[in-house]
C-alpha atoms as a PDB file:
ATOM      1  CA  UNK A   1      47.054 196.998 121.074  1.00  0.00           C
ATOM      2  CA  UNK A   2      46.052 193.359 119.272  1.00  0.00           C
ATOM      3  CA  UNK A   3      44.228 195.015 116.797  1.00  0.00           C
ATOM      4  CA  UNK A   4      47.389 197.482 116.018  1.00  0.00           C
ATOM      5  CA  UNK A   5      49.715 194.413 116.135  1.00  0.00           C
ATOM      6  CA  UNK A   6      47.603 191.287 115.062  1.00  0.00           C
ATOM      7  CA  UNK A   7      49.006 189.924 118.425  1.00  0.00           C
ATOM      8  CA  UNK A   8      46.412 188.957 120.630  1.00  0.00           C
ATOM      9  CA  UNK A   9      48.761 187.715 123.293  1.00  0.00           C
ATOM     10  CA  UNK A  10      50.804 190.327 123.459  1.00  0.00           C
ATOM     11  CA  UNK A  11      49.799 192.051 126.365  1.00  0.00           C
ATOM     12  CA  UNK A  12      49.446 188.869 128.389  1.00  0.00           C
ATOM     13  CA  UNK A  13      53.078 187.835 127.550  1.00  0.00           C
ATOM     14  CA  UNK A  14      54.404 191.373 128.938  1.00  0.00           C
ATOM     15  CA  UNK A  15      52.228 191.005 131.998  1.00  0.00           C
ATOM     16  CA  UNK A  16      53.792 187.271 132.959  1.00  0.00           C
ATOM     17  CA  UNK A  17      57.283 188.410 132.458  1.00  0.00           C
ATOM     18  CA  UNK A  18      57.854 186.419 129.540  1.00  0.00           C
ATOM     19  CA  UNK A  19      60.035 187.503 126.699  1.00  0.00           C
ATOM     20  CA  UNK A  20      58.819 188.262 122.956  1.00  0.00           C
ATOM     21  CA  UNK A  21      60.840 188.720 119.738  1.00  0.00           C
ATOM     22  CA  UNK A  22      62.666 191.983 118.778  1.00  0.00           C
ATOM     23  CA  UNK A  23      60.589 192.204 115.591  1.00  0.00           C
ATOM     24  CA  UNK A  24      57.176 192.099 117.722  1.00  0.00           C
ATOM     25  CA  UNK A  25      58.691 195.286 119.655  1.00  0.00           C
ATOM     26  CA  UNK A  26      59.343 196.449 116.019  1.00  0.00           C
ATOM     27  CA  UNK A  27      55.928 195.827 114.631  1.00  0.00           C
ATOM     28  CA  UNK A  28      54.236 197.443 117.768  1.00  0.00           C
ATOM     29  CA  UNK A  29      56.544 200.753 117.444  1.00  0.00           C
ATOM     30  CA  UNK A  30      55.921 201.090 113.885  1.00  0.00           C
ATOM     31  CA  UNK A  31      51.803 200.301 114.486  1.00  0.00           C
ATOM     32  CA  UNK A  32      52.089 203.177 117.234  1.00  0.00           C
ATOM     33  CA  UNK A  33      53.611 205.191 114.518  1.00  0.00           C
ATOM     34  CA  UNK A  34      51.530 204.918 111.719  1.00  0.00           C
ATOM     35  CA  UNK A  35      48.766 205.910 113.813  1.00  0.00           C
ATOM     36  CA  UNK A  36      50.245 208.482 116.046  1.00  0.00           C
ATOM     37  CA  UNK A  37      48.001 211.727 116.074  1.00  0.00           C
ATOM     38  CA  UNK A  38      49.681 214.744 114.497  1.00  0.00           C
ATOM     39  CA  UNK A  39      49.515 217.104 117.449  1.00  0.00           C
ATOM     40  CA  UNK A  40      50.978 214.462 119.897  1.00  0.00           C
ATOM     41  CA  UNK A  41      54.681 214.792 120.436  1.00  0.00           C
ATOM     42  CA  UNK A  42      56.382 211.429 120.400  1.00  0.00           C
ATOM     43  CA  UNK A  43      58.091 210.087 123.674  1.00  0.00           C
ATOM     44  CA  UNK A  44      61.478 211.454 123.265  1.00  0.00           C
ATOM     45  CA  UNK A  45      62.939 208.357 124.996  1.00  0.00           C
ATOM     46  CA  UNK A  46      61.504 206.244 121.846  1.00  0.00           C
ATOM     47  CA  UNK A  47      63.244 206.440 118.390  1.00  0.00           C
ATOM     48  CA  UNK A  48      59.971 206.671 116.151  1.00  0.00           C
ATOM     49  CA  UNK A  49      59.941 204.855 112.939  1.00  0.00           C
ATOM     50  CA  UNK A  50      58.619 206.672 109.737  1.00  0.00           C
ATOM     51  CA  UNK A  51      54.841 206.421 109.461  1.00  0.00           C
ATOM     52  CA  UNK A  52      54.242 203.581 106.608  1.00  0.00           C
ATOM     53  CA  UNK A  53      51.114 203.820 104.324  1.00  0.00           C
ATOM     54  CA  UNK A  54      48.325 201.066 105.413  1.00  0.00           C
ATOM     55  CA  UNK A  55      47.502 198.492 103.150  1.00  0.00           C
ATOM     56  CA  UNK A  56      44.769 196.533 103.928  1.00  0.00           C
ATOM     57  CA  UNK A  57      44.630 192.788 103.554  1.00  0.00           C
ATOM     58  CA  UNK A  58      48.207 192.097 103.483  1.00  0.00           C
ATOM     59  CA  UNK A  59      49.514 190.339 106.500  1.00  0.00           C
ATOM     60  CA  UNK A  60      52.908 191.269 108.262  1.00  0.00           C
ATOM     61  CA  UNK A  61      55.856 188.963 107.443  1.00  0.00           C
ATOM     62  CA  UNK A  62      56.127 188.153 110.781  1.00  0.00           C
ATOM     63  CA  UNK A  63      52.669 187.566 111.692  1.00  0.00           C
ATOM     64  CA  UNK A  64      53.369 183.685 112.657  1.00  0.00           C
ATOM     65  CA  UNK A  65      56.077 185.113 115.704  1.00  0.00           C
END
């Protein structure tokens, strides 16, 4: 997950039961949407954002969170 979001401690944060920003959730869902395989159905329980084109070398505006 860290490679998709740039947040290497996110899994440890979740496992420890700590909270994280809503913007982090949004970034993770967006990252999965961007890389979701075309033939695989998206989970019904999660609203899917439109996949966004990737821009390499540009840091997310929320990367410091």
